[in-house]
Amino acid sequence: MAETFVQTGSWDLAKAKILATNALQCRSASSALRLERELRPRLKTLTHDQIHFAAAATTDDRTAIAWLAACKRTRFLFDFAVESLREKLAATPKLT
């Protein structure tokens, strides 16, 4: 979706193109619409630079950006990540 948004420069045009080409590779039009409706608001929380990075990123980097977008969109995920990761990072030995 980020690639399509960068190409079109518009969320509405990106949505139309994604649904018309089945870019999300869904079995049904209703599934594609539902998935697009879930992903677009998450991506819209990202900064301009983050969206452009996601459009050109590797699979691992896209996964990280998708997690960032989900955390920015959903407070529960953000709170969970902060609590869980803080504990893990605090327990991790520091490299010198």
PDB file of N, CA and C in Angstrom:
ATOM      1  N   MET A   1       0.816  -1.187   0.000  1.00  0.00           N
ATOM      2  CA  MET A   1       0.000   0.000   0.000  1.00  0.00           C
ATOM      3  C   MET A   1       0.859   1.249   0.000  1.00  0.00           C
ATOM      4  N   ALA A   2       1.964   1.217   0.722  1.00  0.00           N
ATOM      5  CA  ALA A   2       2.835   2.389   0.778  1.00  0.00           C
ATOM      6  C   ALA A   2       3.388   2.708  -0.609  1.00  0.00           C
ATOM      7  N   GLU A   3       3.777   1.677  -1.347  1.00  0.00           N
ATOM      8  CA  GLU A   3       4.288   1.892  -2.705  1.00  0.00           C
ATOM      9  C   GLU A   3       3.240   2.564  -3.581  1.00  0.00           C
ATOM     10  N   THR A   4       2.029   2.079  -3.501  1.00  0.00           N
ATOM     11  CA  THR A   4       0.954   2.635  -4.319  1.00  0.00           C
ATOM     12  C   THR A   4       0.656   4.071  -3.912  1.00  0.00           C
ATOM     13  N   PHE A   5       0.680   4.349  -2.616  1.00  0.00           N
ATOM     14  CA  PHE A   5       0.452   5.722  -2.167  1.00  0.00           C
ATOM     15  C   PHE A   5       1.557   6.644  -2.683  1.00  0.00           C
ATOM     16  N   VAL A   6       2.801   6.199  -2.605  1.00  0.00           N
ATOM     17  CA  VAL A   6       3.912   7.028  -3.089  1.00  0.00           C
ATOM     18  C   VAL A   6       3.772   7.279  -4.585  1.00  0.00           C
ATOM     19  N   GLN A   7       3.356   6.268  -5.335  1.00  0.00           N
ATOM     20  CA  GLN A   7       3.181   6.417  -6.780  1.00  0.00           C
ATOM     21  C   GLN A   7       2.060   7.390  -7.120  1.00  0.00           C
ATOM     22  N   THR A   8       0.942   7.296  -6.401  1.00  0.00           N
ATOM     23  CA  THR A   8      -0.224   8.102  -6.746  1.00  0.00           C
ATOM     24  C   THR A   8      -0.261   9.445  -6.026  1.00  0.00           C
ATOM     25  N   GLY A   9       0.299   9.490  -4.820  1.00  0.00           N
ATOM     26  CA  GLY A   9       0.279  10.718  -4.039  1.00  0.00           C
ATOM     27  C   GLY A   9      -1.052  11.012  -3.372  1.00  0.00           C
ATOM     28  N   SER A  10      -1.958  10.051  -3.414  1.00  0.00           N
ATOM     29  CA  SER A  10      -3.292  10.246  -2.852  1.00  0.00           C
ATOM     30  C   SER A  10      -3.777   8.936  -2.243  1.00  0.00           C
ATOM     31  N   TRP A  11      -4.333   9.031  -1.045  1.00  0.00           N
ATOM     32  CA  TRP A  11      -4.867   7.821  -0.413  1.00  0.00           C
ATOM     33  C   TRP A  11      -6.077   7.298  -1.175  1.00  0.00           C
ATOM     34  N   ASP A  12      -6.905   8.198  -1.708  1.00  0.00           N
ATOM     35  CA  ASP A  12      -8.086   7.767  -2.467  1.00  0.00           C
ATOM     36  C   ASP A  12      -7.694   7.055  -3.755  1.00  0.00           C
ATOM     37  N   LEU A  13      -6.716   7.608  -4.474  1.00  0.00           N
ATOM     38  CA  LEU A  13      -6.254   6.954  -5.704  1.00  0.00           C
ATOM     39  C   LEU A  13      -5.557   5.634  -5.390  1.00  0.00           C
ATOM     40  N   ALA A  14      -4.797   5.614  -4.309  1.00  0.00           N
ATOM     41  CA  ALA A  14      -4.124   4.378  -3.911  1.00  0.00           C
ATOM     42  C   ALA A  14      -5.149   3.295  -3.585  1.00  0.00           C
ATOM     43  N   LYS A  15      -6.189   3.671  -2.853  1.00  0.00           N
ATOM     44  CA  LYS A  15      -7.245   2.716  -2.511  1.00  0.00           C
ATOM     45  C   LYS A  15      -7.893   2.150  -3.764  1.00  0.00           C
ATOM     46  N   ALA A  16      -8.241   3.000  -4.692  1.00  0.00           N
ATOM     47  CA  ALA A  16      -8.887   2.551  -5.927  1.00  0.00           C
ATOM     48  C   ALA A  16      -7.982   1.605  -6.709  1.00  0.00           C
ATOM     49  N   LYS A  17      -6.711   1.949  -6.825  1.00  0.00           N
ATOM     50  CA  LYS A  17      -5.776   1.109  -7.577  1.00  0.00           C
ATOM     51  C   LYS A  17      -5.549  -0.229  -6.887  1.00  0.00           C
ATOM     52  N   ILE A  18      -5.409  -0.200  -5.574  1.00  0.00           N
ATOM     53  CA  ILE A  18      -5.182  -1.435  -4.810  1.00  0.00           C
ATOM     54  C   ILE A  18      -6.366  -2.382  -4.951  1.00  0.00           C
ATOM     55  N   LEU A  19      -7.564  -1.843  -4.846  1.00  0.00           N
ATOM     56  CA  LEU A  19      -8.756  -2.693  -4.960  1.00  0.00           C
ATOM     57  C   LEU A  19      -8.969  -3.169  -6.397  1.00  0.00           C
ATOM     58  N   ALA A  20      -8.689  -2.321  -7.372  1.00  0.00           N
ATOM     59  CA  ALA A  20      -8.887  -2.693  -8.774  1.00  0.00           C
ATOM     60  C   ALA A  20      -7.919  -3.775  -9.234  1.00  0.00           C
ATOM     61  N   THR A  21      -6.707  -3.766  -8.686  1.00  0.00           N
ATOM     62  CA  THR A  21      -5.692  -4.731  -9.123  1.00  0.00           C
ATOM     63  C   THR A  21      -5.542  -5.921  -8.172  1.00  0.00           C
ATOM     64  N   ASN A  22      -6.323  -5.953  -7.115  1.00  0.00           N
ATOM     65  CA  ASN A  22      -6.218  -6.988  -6.084  1.00  0.00           C
ATOM     66  C   ASN A  22      -4.785  -7.080  -5.560  1.00  0.00           C
ATOM     67  N   ALA A  23      -4.192  -5.926  -5.320  1.00  0.00           N
ATOM     68  CA  ALA A  23      -2.806  -5.859  -4.846  1.00  0.00           C
ATOM     69  C   ALA A  23      -2.617  -6.531  -3.492  1.00  0.00           C
ATOM     70  N   LEU A  24      -3.665  -6.631  -2.717  1.00  0.00           N
ATOM     71  CA  LEU A  24      -3.570  -7.278  -1.410  1.00  0.00           C
ATOM     72  C   LEU A  24      -3.756  -8.794  -1.504  1.00  0.00           C
ATOM     73  N   GLN A  25      -3.993  -9.267  -2.706  1.00  0.00           N
ATOM     74  CA  GLN A  25      -4.111 -10.694  -3.017  1.00  0.00           C
ATOM     75  C   GLN A  25      -5.143 -11.406  -2.162  1.00  0.00           C
ATOM     76  N   CYS A  26      -6.317 -10.829  -2.092  1.00  0.00           N
ATOM     77  CA  CYS A  26      -7.427 -11.428  -1.343  1.00  0.00           C
ATOM     78  C   CYS A  26      -8.283 -12.271  -2.262  1.00  0.00           C
ATOM     79  N   ARG A  27      -8.961 -13.238  -1.686  1.00  0.00           N
ATOM     80  CA  ARG A  27      -9.822 -14.125  -2.479  1.00  0.00           C
ATOM     81  C   ARG A  27     -11.122 -13.463  -2.910  1.00  0.00           C
ATOM     82  N   SER A  28     -11.587 -12.513  -2.123  1.00  0.00           N
ATOM     83  CA  SER A  28     -12.846 -11.864  -2.472  1.00  0.00           C
ATOM     84  C   SER A  28     -12.693 -10.348  -2.384  1.00  0.00           C
ATOM     85  N   ALA A  29     -13.566  -9.661  -3.089  1.00  0.00           N
ATOM     86  CA  ALA A  29     -13.546  -8.198  -3.073  1.00  0.00           C
ATOM     87  C   ALA A  29     -13.855  -7.662  -1.681  1.00  0.00           C
ATOM     88  N   SER A  30     -14.744  -8.339  -0.975  1.00  0.00           N
ATOM     89  CA  SER A  30     -15.081  -7.866   0.373  1.00  0.00           C
ATOM     90  C   SER A  30     -13.898  -8.022   1.335  1.00  0.00           C
ATOM     91  N   SER A  31     -13.120  -9.088   1.173  1.00  0.00           N
ATOM     92  CA  SER A  31     -11.929  -9.264   2.006  1.00  0.00           C
ATOM     93  C   SER A  31     -10.891  -8.189   1.701  1.00  0.00           C
ATOM     94  N   ALA A  32     -10.717  -7.889   0.431  1.00  0.00           N
ATOM     95  CA  ALA A  32      -9.764  -6.845   0.035  1.00  0.00           C
ATOM     96  C   ALA A  32     -10.190  -5.497   0.601  1.00  0.00           C
ATOM     97  N   LEU A  33     -11.462  -5.201   0.521  1.00  0.00           N
ATOM     98  CA  LEU A  33     -11.976  -3.936   1.053  1.00  0.00           C
ATOM     99  C   LEU A  33     -11.770  -3.854   2.562  1.00  0.00           C
ATOM    100  N   ARG A  34     -12.051  -4.934   3.261  1.00  0.00           N
ATOM    101  CA  ARG A  34     -11.887  -4.981   4.710  1.00  0.00           C
ATOM    102  C   ARG A  34     -10.414  -4.800   5.099  1.00  0.00           C
ATOM    103  N   LEU A  35      -9.523  -5.494   4.406  1.00  0.00           N
ATOM    104  CA  LEU A  35      -8.101  -5.399   4.705  1.00  0.00           C
ATOM    105  C   LEU A  35      -7.570  -4.003   4.389  1.00  0.00           C
ATOM    106  N   GLU A  36      -7.988  -3.439   3.270  1.00  0.00           N
ATOM    107  CA  GLU A  36      -7.563  -2.083   2.909  1.00  0.00           C
ATOM    108  C   GLU A  36      -8.057  -1.080   3.937  1.00  0.00           C
ATOM    109  N   ARG A  37      -9.273  -1.260   4.374  1.00  0.00           N
ATOM    110  CA  ARG A  37      -9.870  -0.357   5.368  1.00  0.00           C
ATOM    111  C   ARG A  37      -9.138  -0.453   6.715  1.00  0.00           C
ATOM    112  N   GLU A  38      -8.508  -1.576   7.001  1.00  0.00           N
ATOM    113  CA  GLU A  38      -7.743  -1.745   8.234  1.00  0.00           C
ATOM    114  C   GLU A  38      -6.321  -1.191   8.093  1.00  0.00           C
ATOM    115  N   LEU A  39      -5.709  -1.398   6.940  1.00  0.00           N
ATOM    116  CA  LEU A  39      -4.318  -1.001   6.744  1.00  0.00           C
ATOM    117  C   LEU A  39      -4.131   0.495   6.503  1.00  0.00           C
ATOM    118  N   ARG A  40      -5.016   1.102   5.718  1.00  0.00           N
ATOM    119  CA  ARG A  40      -4.866   2.520   5.360  1.00  0.00           C
ATOM    120  C   ARG A  40      -4.775   3.431   6.580  1.00  0.00           C
ATOM    121  N   PRO A  41      -5.665   3.321   7.573  1.00  0.00           N
ATOM    122  CA  PRO A  41      -5.540   4.198   8.751  1.00  0.00           C
ATOM    123  C   PRO A  41      -4.224   3.998   9.507  1.00  0.00           C
ATOM    124  N   ARG A  42      -3.715   2.782   9.510  1.00  0.00           N
ATOM    125  CA  ARG A  42      -2.428   2.545  10.163  1.00  0.00           C
ATOM    126  C   ARG A  42      -1.316   3.277   9.420  1.00  0.00           C
ATOM    127  N   LEU A  43      -1.306   3.129   8.104  1.00  0.00           N
ATOM    128  CA  LEU A  43      -0.260   3.783   7.308  1.00  0.00           C
ATOM    129  C   LEU A  43      -0.364   5.303   7.381  1.00  0.00           C
ATOM    130  N   LYS A  44      -1.569   5.806   7.521  1.00  0.00           N
ATOM    131  CA  LYS A  44      -1.753   7.257   7.596  1.00  0.00           C
ATOM    132  C   LYS A  44      -1.160   7.846   8.876  1.00  0.00           C
ATOM    133  N   THR A  45      -0.866   7.025   9.878  1.00  0.00           N
ATOM    134  CA  THR A  45      -0.239   7.531  11.099  1.00  0.00           C
ATOM    135  C   THR A  45       1.251   7.769  10.912  1.00  0.00           C
ATOM    136  N   LEU A  46       1.818   7.203   9.856  1.00  0.00           N
ATOM    137  CA  LEU A  46       3.250   7.330   9.614  1.00  0.00           C
ATOM    138  C   LEU A  46       3.597   8.694   9.034  1.00  0.00           C
ATOM    139  N   THR A  47       4.826   9.113   9.258  1.00  0.00           N
ATOM    140  CA  THR A  47       5.303  10.364   8.671  1.00  0.00           C
ATOM    141  C   THR A  47       5.576  10.158   7.186  1.00  0.00           C
ATOM    142  N   HIS A  48       5.759  11.245   6.494  1.00  0.00           N
ATOM    143  CA  HIS A  48       6.080  11.213   5.062  1.00  0.00           C
ATOM    144  C   HIS A  48       7.328  10.357   4.818  1.00  0.00           C
ATOM    145  N   ASP A  49       8.371  10.575   5.608  1.00  0.00           N
ATOM    146  CA  ASP A  49       9.617   9.824   5.442  1.00  0.00           C
ATOM    147  C   ASP A  49       9.426   8.335   5.742  1.00  0.00           C
ATOM    148  N   GLN A  50       8.622   8.015   6.747  1.00  0.00           N
ATOM    149  CA  GLN A  50       8.375   6.614   7.088  1.00  0.00           C
ATOM    150  C   GLN A  50       7.625   5.898   5.977  1.00  0.00           C
ATOM    151  N   ILE A  51       6.669   6.565   5.369  1.00  0.00           N
ATOM    152  CA  ILE A  51       5.923   5.956   4.258  1.00  0.00           C
ATOM    153  C   ILE A  51       6.839   5.719   3.064  1.00  0.00           C
ATOM    154  N   HIS A  52       7.678   6.690   2.741  1.00  0.00           N
ATOM    155  CA  HIS A  52       8.615   6.521   1.631  1.00  0.00           C
ATOM    156  C   HIS A  52       9.638   5.421   1.925  1.00  0.00           C
ATOM    157  N   PHE A  53      10.057   5.332   3.173  1.00  0.00           N
ATOM    158  CA  PHE A  53      10.965   4.256   3.565  1.00  0.00           C
ATOM    159  C   PHE A  53      10.284   2.904   3.385  1.00  0.00           C
ATOM    160  N   ALA A  54       9.046   2.793   3.838  1.00  0.00           N
ATOM    161  CA  ALA A  54       8.301   1.528   3.724  1.00  0.00           C
ATOM    162  C   ALA A  54       8.115   1.127   2.268  1.00  0.00           C
ATOM    163  N   ALA A  55       7.910   2.098   1.403  1.00  0.00           N
ATOM    164  CA  ALA A  55       7.681   1.804  -0.013  1.00  0.00           C
ATOM    165  C   ALA A  55       8.895   1.155  -0.667  1.00  0.00           C
ATOM    166  N   ALA A  56      10.084   1.477  -0.184  1.00  0.00           N
ATOM    167  CA  ALA A  56      11.308   0.967  -0.800  1.00  0.00           C
ATOM    168  C   ALA A  56      12.045  -0.041   0.081  1.00  0.00           C
ATOM    169  N   ALA A  57      11.454  -0.426   1.192  1.00  0.00           N
ATOM    170  CA  ALA A  57      12.148  -1.230   2.199  1.00  0.00           C
ATOM    171  C   ALA A  57      12.156  -2.719   1.873  1.00  0.00           C
ATOM    172  N   THR A  58      13.021  -3.426   2.590  1.00  0.00           N
ATOM    173  CA  THR A  58      13.061  -4.886   2.509  1.00  0.00           C
ATOM    174  C   THR A  58      11.868  -5.445   3.294  1.00  0.00           C
ATOM    175  N   THR A  59      11.658  -6.717   3.191  1.00  0.00           N
ATOM    176  CA  THR A  59      10.550  -7.354   3.901  1.00  0.00           C
ATOM    177  C   THR A  59      10.674  -7.175   5.414  1.00  0.00           C
ATOM    178  N   ASP A  60      11.865  -7.347   5.943  1.00  0.00           N
ATOM    179  CA  ASP A  60      12.060  -7.179   7.392  1.00  0.00           C
ATOM    180  C   ASP A  60      11.785  -5.744   7.822  1.00  0.00           C
ATOM    181  N   ASP A  61      12.250  -4.784   7.037  1.00  0.00           N
ATOM    182  CA  ASP A  61      12.013  -3.380   7.374  1.00  0.00           C
ATOM    183  C   ASP A  61      10.530  -3.029   7.252  1.00  0.00           C
ATOM    184  N   ARG A  62       9.874  -3.589   6.262  1.00  0.00           N
ATOM    185  CA  ARG A  62       8.429  -3.347   6.113  1.00  0.00           C
ATOM    186  C   ARG A  62       7.662  -3.919   7.299  1.00  0.00           C
ATOM    187  N   THR A  63       8.103  -5.052   7.780  1.00  0.00           N
ATOM    188  CA  THR A  63       7.465  -5.653   8.953  1.00  0.00           C
ATOM    189  C   THR A  63       7.618  -4.731  10.161  1.00  0.00           C
ATOM    190  N   ALA A  64       8.805  -4.169  10.330  1.00  0.00           N
ATOM    191  CA  ALA A  64       9.039  -3.252  11.443  1.00  0.00           C
ATOM    192  C   ALA A  64       8.197  -1.984  11.301  1.00  0.00           C
ATOM    193  N   ILE A  65       8.097  -1.450  10.103  1.00  0.00           N
ATOM    194  CA  ILE A  65       7.290  -0.249   9.864  1.00  0.00           C
ATOM    195  C   ILE A  65       5.809  -0.563  10.082  1.00  0.00           C
ATOM    196  N   ALA A  66       5.374  -1.744   9.681  1.00  0.00           N
ATOM    197  CA  ALA A  66       3.976  -2.141   9.897  1.00  0.00           C
ATOM    198  C   ALA A  66       3.678  -2.229  11.397  1.00  0.00           C
ATOM    199  N   TRP A  67       4.627  -2.741  12.176  1.00  0.00           N
ATOM    200  CA  TRP A  67       4.460  -2.813  13.629  1.00  0.00           C
ATOM    201  C   TRP A  67       4.398  -1.405  14.215  1.00  0.00           C
ATOM    202  N   LEU A  68       5.275  -0.519  13.742  1.00  0.00           N
ATOM    203  CA  LEU A  68       5.252   0.870  14.198  1.00  0.00           C
ATOM    204  C   LEU A  68       3.894   1.504  13.907  1.00  0.00           C
ATOM    205  N   ALA A  69       3.389   1.310  12.693  1.00  0.00           N
ATOM    206  CA  ALA A  69       2.093   1.885  12.312  1.00  0.00           C
ATOM    207  C   ALA A  69       0.971   1.327  13.183  1.00  0.00           C
ATOM    208  N   ALA A  70       1.015   0.025  13.447  1.00  0.00           N
ATOM    209  CA  ALA A  70      -0.015  -0.584  14.302  1.00  0.00           C
ATOM    210  C   ALA A  70       0.053  -0.016  15.716  1.00  0.00           C
ATOM    211  N   CYS A  71       1.268   0.163  16.236  1.00  0.00           N
ATOM    212  CA  CYS A  71       1.421   0.725  17.590  1.00  0.00           C
ATOM    213  C   CYS A  71       0.959   2.177  17.654  1.00  0.00           C
ATOM    214  N   LYS A  72       1.219   2.929  16.587  1.00  0.00           N
ATOM    215  CA  LYS A  72       0.786   4.323  16.577  1.00  0.00           C
ATOM    216  C   LYS A  72      -0.728   4.435  16.464  1.00  0.00           C
ATOM    217  N   ARG A  73      -1.354   3.465  15.835  1.00  0.00           N
ATOM    218  CA  ARG A  73      -2.803   3.491  15.614  1.00  0.00           C
ATOM    219  C   ARG A  73      -3.586   2.951  16.809  1.00  0.00           C
ATOM    220  N   THR A  74      -3.052   1.932  17.484  1.00  0.00           N
ATOM    221  CA  THR A  74      -3.782   1.230  18.532  1.00  0.00           C
ATOM    222  C   THR A  74      -3.067   1.382  19.867  1.00  0.00           C
ATOM    223  N   ARG A  75      -3.670   2.097  20.774  1.00  0.00           N
ATOM    224  CA  ARG A  75      -3.057   2.400  22.062  1.00  0.00           C
ATOM    225  C   ARG A  75      -2.723   1.136  22.847  1.00  0.00           C
ATOM    226  N   PHE A  76      -3.583   0.115  22.770  1.00  0.00           N
ATOM    227  CA  PHE A  76      -3.332  -1.132  23.481  1.00  0.00           C
ATOM    228  C   PHE A  76      -2.015  -1.755  23.025  1.00  0.00           C
ATOM    229  N   LEU A  77      -1.776  -1.793  21.721  1.00  0.00           N
ATOM    230  CA  LEU A  77      -0.527  -2.361  21.202  1.00  0.00           C
ATOM    231  C   LEU A  77       0.673  -1.549  21.661  1.00  0.00           C
ATOM    232  N   PHE A  78       0.530  -0.235  21.648  1.00  0.00           N
ATOM    233  CA  PHE A  78       1.607   0.635  22.105  1.00  0.00           C
ATOM    234  C   PHE A  78       1.945   0.350  23.570  1.00  0.00           C
ATOM    235  N   ASP A  79       0.920   0.316  24.403  1.00  0.00           N
ATOM    236  CA  ASP A  79       1.142   0.052  25.834  1.00  0.00           C
ATOM    237  C   ASP A  79       1.773  -1.319  26.062  1.00  0.00           C
ATOM    238  N   PHE A  80       1.293  -2.313  25.341  1.00  0.00           N
ATOM    239  CA  PHE A  80       1.843  -3.666  25.448  1.00  0.00           C
ATOM    240  C   PHE A  80       3.309  -3.683  25.028  1.00  0.00           C
ATOM    241  N   ALA A  81       3.616  -3.047  23.911  1.00  0.00           N
ATOM    242  CA  ALA A  81       4.991  -3.023  23.418  1.00  0.00           C
ATOM    243  C   ALA A  81       5.916  -2.314  24.399  1.00  0.00           C
ATOM    244  N   VAL A  82       5.477  -1.187  24.917  1.00  0.00           N
ATOM    245  CA  VAL A  82       6.307  -0.440  25.865  1.00  0.00           C
ATOM    246  C   VAL A  82       6.604  -1.289  27.090  1.00  0.00           C
ATOM    247  N   GLU A  83       5.570  -1.898  27.643  1.00  0.00           N
ATOM    248  CA  GLU A  83       5.745  -2.693  28.851  1.00  0.00           C
ATOM    249  C   GLU A  83       6.606  -3.922  28.595  1.00  0.00           C
ATOM    250  N   SER A  84       6.313  -4.660  27.548  1.00  0.00           N
ATOM    251  CA  SER A  84       7.029  -5.903  27.249  1.00  0.00           C
ATOM    252  C   SER A  84       8.465  -5.646  26.817  1.00  0.00           C
ATOM    253  N   LEU A  85       8.643  -4.705  25.904  1.00  0.00           N
ATOM    254  CA  LEU A  85       9.982  -4.454  25.385  1.00  0.00           C
ATOM    255  C   LEU A  85      10.881  -3.786  26.411  1.00  0.00           C
ATOM    256  N   ARG A  86      10.335  -2.930  27.226  1.00  0.00           N
ATOM    257  CA  ARG A  86      11.145  -2.277  28.268  1.00  0.00           C
ATOM    258  C   ARG A  86      11.753  -3.329  29.192  1.00  0.00           C
ATOM    259  N   GLU A  87      10.944  -4.297  29.594  1.00  0.00           N
ATOM    260  CA  GLU A  87      11.443  -5.363  30.466  1.00  0.00           C
ATOM    261  C   GLU A  87      12.519  -6.191  29.777  1.00  0.00           C
ATOM    262  N   LYS A  88      12.299  -6.535  28.517  1.00  0.00           N
ATOM    263  CA  LYS A  88      13.267  -7.341  27.778  1.00  0.00           C
ATOM    264  C   LYS A  88      14.567  -6.581  27.556  1.00  0.00           C
ATOM    265  N   LEU A  89      14.454  -5.306  27.192  1.00  0.00           N
ATOM    266  CA  LEU A  89      15.655  -4.510  26.944  1.00  0.00           C
ATOM    267  C   LEU A  89      16.431  -4.262  28.230  1.00  0.00           C
ATOM    268  N   ALA A  90      15.735  -4.105  29.326  1.00  0.00           N
ATOM    269  CA  ALA A  90      16.397  -3.891  30.609  1.00  0.00           C
ATOM    270  C   ALA A  90      17.163  -5.153  31.036  1.00  0.00           C
ATOM    271  N   ALA A  91      16.671  -6.317  30.662  1.00  0.00           N
ATOM    272  CA  ALA A  91      17.308  -7.579  31.041  1.00  0.00           C
ATOM    273  C   ALA A  91      18.410  -7.981  30.077  1.00  0.00           C
ATOM    274  N   THR A  92      18.504  -7.336  28.936  1.00  0.00           N
ATOM    275  CA  THR A  92      19.508  -7.690  27.927  1.00  0.00           C
ATOM    276  C   THR A  92      20.860  -7.115  28.309  1.00  0.00           C
ATOM    277  N   PRO A  93      21.897  -7.932  28.309  1.00  0.00           N
ATOM    278  CA  PRO A  93      23.233  -7.401  28.625  1.00  0.00           C
ATOM    279  C   PRO A  93      23.677  -6.419  27.528  1.00  0.00           C
ATOM    280  N   LYS A  94      24.316  -5.361  27.933  1.00  0.00           N
ATOM    281  CA  LYS A  94      24.778  -4.340  26.991  1.00  0.00           C
ATOM    282  C   LYS A  94      26.103  -4.758  26.389  1.00  0.00           C
ATOM    283  N   LEU A  95      26.259  -4.508  25.100  1.00  0.00           N
ATOM    284  CA  LEU A  95      27.510  -4.781  24.410  1.00  0.00           C
ATOM    285  C   LEU A  95      28.454  -3.610  24.625  1.00  0.00           C
ATOM    286  N   THR A  96      29.707  -3.901  24.822  1.00  0.00           N
ATOM    287  CA  THR A  96      30.680  -2.824  25.008  1.00  0.00           C
ATOM    288  C   THR A  96      31.731  -2.855  23.944  1.00  0.00           C
TER     289      THR A  96
END
